[in-house]
Amino acid sequence: MDQNDPLGNNTVGNITSPPTCCCKELIAAQDTKLKALSDKMETMLRMMTVQTALINVLVSGEKSPIRLAIKFPLKTEADLLEVEQMIGIEKDFYVEAIKLKLDGNILKNMEELIHRNIALMYNIDGTHGKKRFKDFVNLYSAIKASIPNGDKDETIRKAFQVVKKRHYRYISESKTKQHT
C-alpha cells in the first residue's frame, strides 16, 4: 500500500523514495509561506514589545518624551540651565521631546521650545550684544539632532530670526493700533 509521509516522500513498506518534482515545488511554496508568516509574527512581536514598554513608561510615570515636552517652552535662563544639565544625562529622551514640540518645522515652531523673551536675549554666536546660545552645548546639540536634514546651524539661526521678526511685527502692530 502506497502512502505519503508529511514531507512528501512516497513510502512503500519500509522503502522511502524522494518526492517528485511537483511535490518539491509544493514544499518550496509552503516553506516560502511559512517564512513570510514567521517574519510577520516577528515584526508583530517587536511592535508589541515596544508598545508594552511605552505603556509601562506611561503607567509607571517614568520620564518619557511626552512628559518632557511639557517642560517647554523654556521661559527663563534658569529653565535653560536646568534643561542643559538634564540633556547631558538623558539626551535621547530630550531629542524626542524636542521633535514632538517642533513637529517637523523648526522655523514655524521654535517658540514651542524657547519663549520669545529668551530668544530676544540670545543669538547663535553671541554677537551684537546678545548672549551666545551655542554655550548651551547639550541643548544646542539636541535641537540639531531633532532637525531632519539640511544645514542645521543655519536652520536654527533662521528659526531665531523668525521668532524675533514675529516679536517686532507684534510690537509694530500694537503701536499702530494704539495710534488709530
N, C-alpha and C. Protein backbone atom coordinates (compact mmCIF):
# COMPACT_ATOMS: atom_id res chain seq x y z
N MET A 1 0.84 -1.17 0.00
CA MET A 1 0.00 0.00 0.00
C MET A 1 0.89 1.24 0.00
N ASP A 2 0.69 2.17 -0.96
CA ASP A 2 1.49 3.38 -1.07
C ASP A 2 0.95 4.45 -0.12
N GLN A 3 1.86 5.12 0.55
CA GLN A 3 1.49 6.21 1.46
C GLN A 3 2.47 7.35 1.27
N ASN A 4 2.02 8.56 1.64
CA ASN A 4 2.91 9.73 1.64
C ASN A 4 3.17 10.14 3.07
N ASP A 5 4.44 10.36 3.42
CA ASP A 5 4.73 10.88 4.75
C ASP A 5 4.57 12.40 4.74
N PRO A 6 4.63 13.07 5.88
CA PRO A 6 4.40 14.51 5.93
C PRO A 6 5.36 15.32 5.08
N LEU A 7 6.52 14.82 4.76
CA LEU A 7 7.49 15.56 3.95
C LEU A 7 7.26 15.36 2.47
N GLY A 8 6.32 14.57 2.09
CA GLY A 8 6.03 14.35 0.68
C GLY A 8 6.78 13.18 0.09
N ASN A 9 7.48 12.38 0.91
CA ASN A 9 8.19 11.20 0.42
C ASN A 9 7.20 10.07 0.20
N ASN A 10 7.34 9.36 -0.90
CA ASN A 10 6.50 8.19 -1.16
C ASN A 10 7.08 7.01 -0.40
N THR A 11 6.22 6.28 0.30
CA THR A 11 6.70 5.12 1.06
C THR A 11 5.94 3.88 0.62
N VAL A 12 6.67 2.83 0.47
CA VAL A 12 6.09 1.52 0.20
C VAL A 12 6.76 0.60 1.21
N GLY A 13 6.02 0.21 2.19
CA GLY A 13 6.62 -0.60 3.25
C GLY A 13 7.63 0.24 4.00
N ASN A 14 8.87 -0.26 4.07
CA ASN A 14 9.94 0.47 4.75
C ASN A 14 10.81 1.25 3.78
N ILE A 15 10.51 1.20 2.48
CA ILE A 15 11.33 1.86 1.47
C ILE A 15 10.75 3.25 1.20
N THR A 16 11.58 4.27 1.31
CA THR A 16 11.14 5.64 1.08
C THR A 16 11.82 6.16 -0.16
N SER A 17 11.02 6.74 -1.07
CA SER A 17 11.60 7.33 -2.27
C SER A 17 11.50 8.85 -2.17
N PRO A 18 12.41 9.58 -2.80
CA PRO A 18 12.38 11.04 -2.73
C PRO A 18 11.13 11.60 -3.40
N PRO A 19 10.70 12.82 -2.98
CA PRO A 19 9.49 13.41 -3.55
C PRO A 19 9.67 13.70 -5.03
N THR A 20 8.58 13.72 -5.72
CA THR A 20 8.60 14.02 -7.15
C THR A 20 8.79 15.52 -7.34
N CYS A 21 8.98 15.93 -8.57
CA CYS A 21 9.22 17.34 -8.90
C CYS A 21 8.06 18.21 -8.44
N CYS A 22 6.85 17.77 -8.66
CA CYS A 22 5.66 18.53 -8.28
C CYS A 22 5.61 18.72 -6.77
N CYS A 23 5.96 17.69 -6.04
CA CYS A 23 5.96 17.76 -4.58
C CYS A 23 7.02 18.74 -4.08
N LYS A 24 8.18 18.74 -4.73
CA LYS A 24 9.25 19.66 -4.34
C LYS A 24 8.79 21.10 -4.49
N GLU A 25 8.06 21.40 -5.55
CA GLU A 25 7.56 22.77 -5.76
C GLU A 25 6.55 23.15 -4.69
N LEU A 26 5.68 22.21 -4.31
CA LEU A 26 4.71 22.47 -3.25
C LEU A 26 5.40 22.71 -1.92
N ILE A 27 6.40 21.91 -1.63
CA ILE A 27 7.15 22.07 -0.39
C ILE A 27 7.86 23.43 -0.38
N ALA A 28 8.45 23.80 -1.49
CA ALA A 28 9.14 25.10 -1.58
C ALA A 28 8.15 26.25 -1.38
N ALA A 29 6.97 26.13 -1.98
CA ALA A 29 5.95 27.17 -1.82
C ALA A 29 5.49 27.27 -0.38
N GLN A 30 5.31 26.12 0.28
CA GLN A 30 4.91 26.12 1.68
C GLN A 30 6.00 26.71 2.56
N ASP A 31 7.25 26.37 2.27
CA ASP A 31 8.37 26.92 3.03
C ASP A 31 8.41 28.45 2.90
N THR A 32 8.17 28.95 1.69
CA THR A 32 8.15 30.40 1.46
C THR A 32 7.04 31.06 2.27
N LYS A 33 5.86 30.45 2.26
CA LYS A 33 4.73 31.00 3.02
C LYS A 33 5.01 30.96 4.52
N LEU A 34 5.60 29.86 4.98
CA LEU A 34 5.95 29.75 6.40
C LEU A 34 6.97 30.81 6.80
N LYS A 35 7.94 31.04 5.95
CA LYS A 35 8.96 32.06 6.23
C LYS A 35 8.32 33.45 6.30
N ALA A 36 7.41 33.75 5.37
CA ALA A 36 6.73 35.05 5.36
C ALA A 36 5.89 35.22 6.63
N LEU A 37 5.17 34.18 7.02
CA LEU A 37 4.37 34.23 8.25
C LEU A 37 5.25 34.40 9.48
N SER A 38 6.36 33.71 9.49
CA SER A 38 7.30 33.82 10.60
C SER A 38 7.85 35.25 10.71
N ASP A 39 8.20 35.85 9.57
CA ASP A 39 8.70 37.22 9.57
C ASP A 39 7.64 38.20 10.07
N LYS A 40 6.39 37.99 9.64
CA LYS A 40 5.30 38.85 10.10
C LYS A 40 5.08 38.72 11.60
N MET A 41 5.17 37.50 12.09
CA MET A 41 5.00 37.28 13.53
C MET A 41 6.12 37.94 14.32
N GLU A 42 7.35 37.87 13.82
CA GLU A 42 8.47 38.51 14.50
C GLU A 42 8.28 40.03 14.52
N THR A 43 7.83 40.59 13.42
CA THR A 43 7.57 42.03 13.36
C THR A 43 6.49 42.43 14.35
N MET A 44 5.41 41.66 14.38
CA MET A 44 4.33 41.95 15.32
C MET A 44 4.81 41.83 16.76
N LEU A 45 5.65 40.86 17.04
CA LEU A 45 6.18 40.67 18.39
C LEU A 45 7.04 41.87 18.79
N ARG A 46 7.89 42.35 17.87
CA ARG A 46 8.71 43.53 18.16
C ARG A 46 7.84 44.75 18.42
N MET A 47 6.79 44.93 17.60
CA MET A 47 5.90 46.07 17.78
C MET A 47 5.17 45.99 19.12
N MET A 48 4.74 44.79 19.49
CA MET A 48 4.06 44.62 20.77
C MET A 48 5.01 44.89 21.93
N THR A 49 6.26 44.51 21.79
CA THR A 49 7.25 44.76 22.83
C THR A 49 7.45 46.26 23.03
N VAL A 50 7.55 46.99 21.92
CA VAL A 50 7.72 48.45 22.01
C VAL A 50 6.48 49.08 22.64
N GLN A 51 5.31 48.67 22.20
CA GLN A 51 4.07 49.22 22.75
C GLN A 51 3.94 48.91 24.24
N THR A 52 4.30 47.72 24.63
CA THR A 52 4.25 47.35 26.05
C THR A 52 5.19 48.22 26.86
N ALA A 53 6.38 48.45 26.34
CA ALA A 53 7.35 49.30 27.04
C ALA A 53 6.81 50.73 27.17
N LEU A 54 6.22 51.26 26.10
CA LEU A 54 5.66 52.61 26.17
C LEU A 54 4.52 52.69 27.16
N ILE A 55 3.66 51.70 27.18
CA ILE A 55 2.55 51.68 28.14
C ILE A 55 3.10 51.62 29.57
N ASN A 56 4.11 50.80 29.79
CA ASN A 56 4.72 50.71 31.13
C ASN A 56 5.31 52.04 31.55
N VAL A 57 5.95 52.75 30.63
CA VAL A 57 6.52 54.06 30.95
C VAL A 57 5.42 55.04 31.33
N LEU A 58 4.35 55.05 30.56
CA LEU A 58 3.25 55.97 30.85
C LEU A 58 2.57 55.64 32.17
N VAL A 59 2.36 54.36 32.43
CA VAL A 59 1.67 53.95 33.66
C VAL A 59 2.55 54.18 34.88
N SER A 60 3.82 53.88 34.77
CA SER A 60 4.71 53.99 35.93
C SER A 60 5.12 55.43 36.21
N GLY A 61 4.90 56.32 35.26
CA GLY A 61 5.26 57.72 35.49
C GLY A 61 6.73 58.02 35.23
N GLU A 62 7.43 57.08 34.62
CA GLU A 62 8.83 57.34 34.30
C GLU A 62 8.91 58.46 33.27
N LYS A 63 10.11 58.96 33.08
CA LYS A 63 10.28 60.03 32.10
C LYS A 63 10.05 59.48 30.70
N SER A 64 9.33 60.23 29.92
CA SER A 64 9.09 59.88 28.54
C SER A 64 9.15 61.17 27.74
N PRO A 65 9.35 61.08 26.42
CA PRO A 65 9.39 62.29 25.61
C PRO A 65 8.13 63.14 25.77
N ILE A 66 6.99 62.50 25.93
CA ILE A 66 5.75 63.26 26.07
C ILE A 66 5.76 64.04 27.37
N ARG A 67 6.19 63.42 28.45
CA ARG A 67 6.24 64.13 29.74
C ARG A 67 7.30 65.25 29.70
N LEU A 68 8.42 65.00 29.04
CA LEU A 68 9.47 66.02 28.97
C LEU A 68 9.04 67.19 28.11
N ALA A 69 8.22 66.94 27.11
CA ALA A 69 7.77 68.01 26.22
C ALA A 69 6.97 69.06 26.98
N ILE A 70 6.42 68.69 28.13
CA ILE A 70 5.64 69.63 28.92
C ILE A 70 6.54 70.74 29.48
N LYS A 71 7.82 70.50 29.66
CA LYS A 71 8.75 71.50 30.20
C LYS A 71 8.96 72.68 29.26
N PHE A 72 8.61 72.52 28.01
CA PHE A 72 8.83 73.56 27.02
C PHE A 72 7.58 74.40 26.87
N PRO A 73 7.65 75.65 26.49
CA PRO A 73 8.83 76.42 26.12
C PRO A 73 9.63 76.87 27.34
N LEU A 74 10.90 77.02 27.14
CA LEU A 74 11.80 77.49 28.20
C LEU A 74 11.63 79.00 28.33
N LYS A 75 11.23 79.45 29.52
CA LYS A 75 10.85 80.85 29.70
C LYS A 75 11.90 81.68 30.42
N THR A 76 12.81 81.04 31.13
CA THR A 76 13.82 81.79 31.87
C THR A 76 15.20 81.18 31.62
N GLU A 77 16.21 81.92 32.01
CA GLU A 77 17.57 81.38 31.88
C GLU A 77 17.78 80.21 32.83
N ALA A 78 17.08 80.22 33.96
CA ALA A 78 17.16 79.08 34.88
C ALA A 78 16.60 77.83 34.21
N ASP A 79 15.52 77.99 33.44
CA ASP A 79 14.97 76.84 32.69
C ASP A 79 16.00 76.33 31.68
N LEU A 80 16.68 77.25 31.01
CA LEU A 80 17.71 76.86 30.04
C LEU A 80 18.81 76.05 30.73
N LEU A 81 19.27 76.53 31.88
CA LEU A 81 20.35 75.84 32.61
C LEU A 81 19.89 74.46 33.10
N GLU A 82 18.65 74.39 33.59
CA GLU A 82 18.14 73.11 34.08
C GLU A 82 18.05 72.09 32.95
N VAL A 83 17.48 72.50 31.82
CA VAL A 83 17.35 71.58 30.69
C VAL A 83 18.72 71.22 30.13
N GLU A 84 19.63 72.17 30.12
CA GLU A 84 21.00 71.89 29.67
C GLU A 84 21.61 70.76 30.48
N GLN A 85 21.45 70.81 31.80
CA GLN A 85 22.01 69.75 32.66
C GLN A 85 21.29 68.43 32.44
N MET A 86 19.97 68.46 32.31
CA MET A 86 19.20 67.23 32.15
C MET A 86 19.48 66.56 30.80
N ILE A 87 19.70 67.36 29.76
CA ILE A 87 20.00 66.78 28.45
C ILE A 87 21.33 66.02 28.51
N GLY A 88 22.26 66.52 29.30
CA GLY A 88 23.53 65.83 29.46
C GLY A 88 23.36 64.42 30.03
N ILE A 89 22.28 64.22 30.79
CA ILE A 89 22.02 62.93 31.41
C ILE A 89 21.14 62.04 30.51
N GLU A 90 20.11 62.66 29.90
CA GLU A 90 19.11 61.89 29.15
C GLU A 90 18.86 62.50 27.77
N LYS A 91 19.89 62.55 26.95
CA LYS A 91 19.79 63.24 25.67
C LYS A 91 18.72 62.65 24.75
N ASP A 92 18.65 61.35 24.65
CA ASP A 92 17.70 60.72 23.71
C ASP A 92 16.26 61.10 24.01
N PHE A 93 15.89 61.11 25.28
CA PHE A 93 14.53 61.49 25.63
C PHE A 93 14.25 62.93 25.26
N TYR A 94 15.22 63.81 25.50
CA TYR A 94 15.01 65.23 25.19
C TYR A 94 14.97 65.47 23.68
N VAL A 95 15.76 64.74 22.93
CA VAL A 95 15.70 64.88 21.46
C VAL A 95 14.30 64.51 20.98
N GLU A 96 13.74 63.44 21.51
CA GLU A 96 12.39 63.03 21.11
C GLU A 96 11.35 64.07 21.55
N ALA A 97 11.52 64.63 22.75
CA ALA A 97 10.59 65.66 23.23
C ALA A 97 10.67 66.90 22.34
N ILE A 98 11.88 67.27 21.93
CA ILE A 98 12.06 68.43 21.05
C ILE A 98 11.43 68.15 19.69
N LYS A 99 11.60 66.95 19.19
CA LYS A 99 10.97 66.58 17.91
C LYS A 99 9.45 66.71 18.01
N LEU A 100 8.89 66.28 19.15
CA LEU A 100 7.44 66.40 19.34
C LEU A 100 7.02 67.87 19.31
N LYS A 101 7.77 68.73 19.98
CA LYS A 101 7.42 70.14 20.04
C LYS A 101 7.59 70.83 18.69
N LEU A 102 8.64 70.49 17.97
CA LEU A 102 8.90 71.15 16.69
C LEU A 102 7.96 70.66 15.60
N ASP A 103 7.47 69.46 15.75
CA ASP A 103 6.50 68.89 14.80
C ASP A 103 6.99 68.99 13.36
N GLY A 104 8.31 68.78 13.18
CA GLY A 104 8.88 68.74 11.84
C GLY A 104 9.15 70.09 11.20
N ASN A 105 8.88 71.19 11.90
CA ASN A 105 9.08 72.51 11.31
C ASN A 105 9.63 73.48 12.36
N ILE A 106 10.94 73.56 12.46
CA ILE A 106 11.57 74.40 13.47
C ILE A 106 11.29 75.88 13.21
N LEU A 107 11.23 76.28 11.95
CA LEU A 107 11.00 77.69 11.65
C LEU A 107 9.64 78.15 12.16
N LYS A 108 8.67 77.29 12.06
CA LYS A 108 7.32 77.63 12.49
C LYS A 108 7.13 77.46 14.00
N ASN A 109 7.81 76.48 14.58
CA ASN A 109 7.52 76.08 15.96
C ASN A 109 8.63 76.33 16.97
N MET A 110 9.61 77.16 16.65
CA MET A 110 10.71 77.41 17.58
C MET A 110 10.21 77.97 18.91
N GLU A 111 9.14 78.76 18.87
CA GLU A 111 8.61 79.33 20.10
C GLU A 111 7.98 78.27 21.00
N GLU A 112 7.78 77.08 20.48
CA GLU A 112 7.30 75.98 21.31
C GLU A 112 8.44 75.45 22.19
N LEU A 113 9.69 75.73 21.79
CA LEU A 113 10.86 75.31 22.57
C LEU A 113 11.37 76.42 23.48
N ILE A 114 11.54 77.59 22.90
CA ILE A 114 12.16 78.70 23.61
C ILE A 114 11.23 79.90 23.53
N HIS A 115 10.89 80.41 24.69
CA HIS A 115 9.97 81.55 24.75
C HIS A 115 10.58 82.75 24.02
N ARG A 116 9.72 83.56 23.50
CA ARG A 116 10.12 84.73 22.72
C ARG A 116 11.09 85.63 23.49
N ASN A 117 10.84 85.85 24.78
CA ASN A 117 11.72 86.73 25.57
C ASN A 117 13.13 86.17 25.68
N ILE A 118 13.27 84.87 25.77
CA ILE A 118 14.60 84.25 25.81
C ILE A 118 15.26 84.36 24.44
N ALA A 119 14.49 84.12 23.40
CA ALA A 119 15.04 84.20 22.03
C ALA A 119 15.55 85.61 21.73
N LEU A 120 14.93 86.63 22.31
CA LEU A 120 15.38 88.01 22.09
C LEU A 120 16.72 88.30 22.77
N MET A 121 17.02 87.57 23.83
CA MET A 121 18.26 87.79 24.58
C MET A 121 19.45 87.07 23.96
N TYR A 122 19.18 86.09 23.10
CA TYR A 122 20.25 85.24 22.56
C TYR A 122 20.29 85.30 21.05
N ASN A 123 21.49 85.02 20.51
CA ASN A 123 21.61 84.61 19.12
C ASN A 123 22.63 83.47 19.08
N ILE A 124 22.80 82.86 17.96
CA ILE A 124 23.59 81.64 17.89
C ILE A 124 25.03 81.85 18.35
N ASP A 125 25.67 82.91 17.85
CA ASP A 125 27.09 83.12 18.13
C ASP A 125 27.38 84.18 19.19
N GLY A 126 26.36 84.84 19.72
CA GLY A 126 26.57 85.84 20.76
C GLY A 126 27.11 87.15 20.24
N THR A 127 26.71 87.55 19.06
CA THR A 127 27.17 88.82 18.50
C THR A 127 26.14 89.91 18.78
N HIS A 128 26.52 91.15 18.51
CA HIS A 128 25.64 92.32 18.64
C HIS A 128 25.07 92.48 20.05
N GLY A 129 25.90 92.21 21.06
CA GLY A 129 25.47 92.42 22.43
C GLY A 129 24.52 91.37 22.98
N LYS A 130 24.32 90.30 22.26
CA LYS A 130 23.44 89.22 22.71
C LYS A 130 24.28 88.12 23.35
N LYS A 131 23.61 87.25 24.09
CA LYS A 131 24.27 86.09 24.70
C LYS A 131 24.37 84.98 23.66
N ARG A 132 25.37 84.13 23.83
CA ARG A 132 25.64 83.06 22.86
C ARG A 132 24.84 81.81 23.20
N PHE A 133 23.95 81.40 22.29
CA PHE A 133 23.12 80.22 22.51
C PHE A 133 23.93 78.93 22.39
N LYS A 134 24.98 78.94 21.60
CA LYS A 134 25.82 77.74 21.44
C LYS A 134 26.52 77.36 22.74
N ASP A 135 26.55 78.27 23.72
CA ASP A 135 27.14 77.92 25.02
C ASP A 135 26.33 76.83 25.73
N PHE A 136 25.07 76.70 25.38
CA PHE A 136 24.25 75.60 25.89
C PHE A 136 24.48 74.40 24.97
N VAL A 137 25.63 73.80 25.13
CA VAL A 137 26.11 72.77 24.20
C VAL A 137 25.12 71.61 24.09
N ASN A 138 24.63 71.11 25.20
CA ASN A 138 23.72 69.96 25.17
C ASN A 138 22.39 70.31 24.51
N LEU A 139 21.83 71.46 24.87
CA LEU A 139 20.55 71.88 24.29
C LEU A 139 20.70 72.13 22.80
N TYR A 140 21.77 72.82 22.44
CA TYR A 140 22.01 73.12 21.03
C TYR A 140 22.17 71.84 20.21
N SER A 141 22.92 70.87 20.75
CA SER A 141 23.11 69.61 20.01
C SER A 141 21.82 68.80 19.95
N ALA A 142 20.98 68.87 20.99
CA ALA A 142 19.70 68.17 20.97
C ALA A 142 18.77 68.78 19.92
N ILE A 143 18.79 70.10 19.81
CA ILE A 143 17.97 70.76 18.78
C ILE A 143 18.48 70.37 17.40
N LYS A 144 19.81 70.37 17.23
CA LYS A 144 20.38 69.96 15.94
C LYS A 144 20.00 68.53 15.60
N ALA A 145 20.02 67.65 16.60
CA ALA A 145 19.69 66.24 16.37
C ALA A 145 18.22 66.06 16.00
N SER A 146 17.39 67.00 16.39
CA SER A 146 15.96 66.86 16.10
C SER A 146 15.58 67.42 14.73
N ILE A 147 16.52 68.07 14.06
CA ILE A 147 16.26 68.61 12.72
C ILE A 147 16.63 67.52 11.71
N PRO A 148 15.69 67.17 10.82
CA PRO A 148 15.93 66.00 9.96
C PRO A 148 17.06 66.15 8.94
N ASN A 149 17.19 67.31 8.29
CA ASN A 149 18.20 67.41 7.23
C ASN A 149 18.53 68.87 6.96
N GLY A 150 19.46 69.08 6.05
CA GLY A 150 19.86 70.43 5.68
C GLY A 150 20.97 70.96 6.57
N ASP A 151 21.29 72.25 6.38
CA ASP A 151 22.29 72.93 7.19
C ASP A 151 21.64 73.26 8.54
N LYS A 152 21.93 72.44 9.52
CA LYS A 152 21.24 72.54 10.81
C LYS A 152 21.57 73.84 11.55
N ASP A 153 22.83 74.27 11.49
CA ASP A 153 23.20 75.54 12.15
C ASP A 153 22.43 76.71 11.53
N GLU A 154 22.38 76.74 10.23
CA GLU A 154 21.68 77.82 9.54
C GLU A 154 20.17 77.76 9.80
N THR A 155 19.63 76.57 9.89
CA THR A 155 18.20 76.42 10.17
C THR A 155 17.87 76.95 11.56
N ILE A 156 18.71 76.66 12.55
CA ILE A 156 18.48 77.17 13.91
C ILE A 156 18.61 78.69 13.92
N ARG A 157 19.60 79.20 13.20
CA ARG A 157 19.79 80.65 13.11
C ARG A 157 18.54 81.32 12.52
N LYS A 158 18.01 80.74 11.45
CA LYS A 158 16.80 81.30 10.83
C LYS A 158 15.60 81.20 11.76
N ALA A 159 15.53 80.13 12.54
CA ALA A 159 14.42 79.97 13.48
C ALA A 159 14.44 81.09 14.53
N PHE A 160 15.63 81.41 15.02
CA PHE A 160 15.75 82.54 15.96
C PHE A 160 15.31 83.84 15.28
N GLN A 161 15.71 84.03 14.04
CA GLN A 161 15.32 85.24 13.31
C GLN A 161 13.81 85.33 13.14
N VAL A 162 13.17 84.21 12.85
CA VAL A 162 11.72 84.20 12.68
C VAL A 162 11.03 84.60 13.98
N VAL A 163 11.50 84.06 15.10
CA VAL A 163 10.91 84.41 16.40
C VAL A 163 11.06 85.91 16.66
N LYS A 164 12.24 86.44 16.38
CA LYS A 164 12.48 87.88 16.61
C LYS A 164 11.63 88.74 15.68
N LYS A 165 11.50 88.32 14.43
CA LYS A 165 10.66 89.08 13.48
C LYS A 165 9.21 89.08 13.92
N ARG A 166 8.73 87.96 14.42
CA ARG A 166 7.36 87.91 14.93
C ARG A 166 7.17 88.89 16.08
N HIS A 167 8.16 88.92 16.96
CA HIS A 167 8.08 89.83 18.10
C HIS A 167 8.01 91.28 17.63
N TYR A 168 8.92 91.68 16.74
CA TYR A 168 8.95 93.07 16.29
C TYR A 168 7.72 93.41 15.45
N ARG A 169 7.20 92.46 14.72
CA ARG A 169 5.95 92.68 13.98
C ARG A 169 4.80 92.90 14.96
N TYR A 170 4.76 92.12 16.02
CA TYR A 170 3.72 92.25 17.03
C TYR A 170 3.81 93.63 17.69
N ILE A 171 5.01 94.05 18.04
CA ILE A 171 5.22 95.37 18.66
C ILE A 171 4.76 96.47 17.71
N SER A 172 5.15 96.36 16.46
CA SER A 172 4.78 97.37 15.47
C SER A 172 3.27 97.43 15.28
N GLU A 173 2.63 96.29 15.20
CA GLU A 173 1.18 96.25 15.02
C GLU A 173 0.46 96.81 16.23
N SER A 174 0.96 96.51 17.42
CA SER A 174 0.30 97.03 18.62
C SER A 174 0.46 98.55 18.73
N LYS A 175 1.61 99.09 18.30
CA LYS A 175 1.80 100.54 18.29
C LYS A 175 0.87 101.20 17.29
N THR A 176 0.73 100.57 16.13
CA THR A 176 -0.16 101.10 15.09
C THR A 176 -1.61 101.11 15.59
N LYS A 177 -2.04 100.10 16.28
CA LYS A 177 -3.39 100.03 16.81
C LYS A 177 -3.63 101.08 17.88
N GLN A 178 -2.59 101.38 18.68
CA GLN A 178 -2.73 102.38 19.75
C GLN A 178 -2.90 103.78 19.16
N HIS A 179 -2.29 104.07 18.02
CA HIS A 179 -2.34 105.40 17.42
C HIS A 179 -3.60 105.61 16.57
N THR A 180 -4.32 104.56 16.28
CA THR A 180 -5.52 104.74 15.45
C THR A 180 -6.78 104.77 16.27
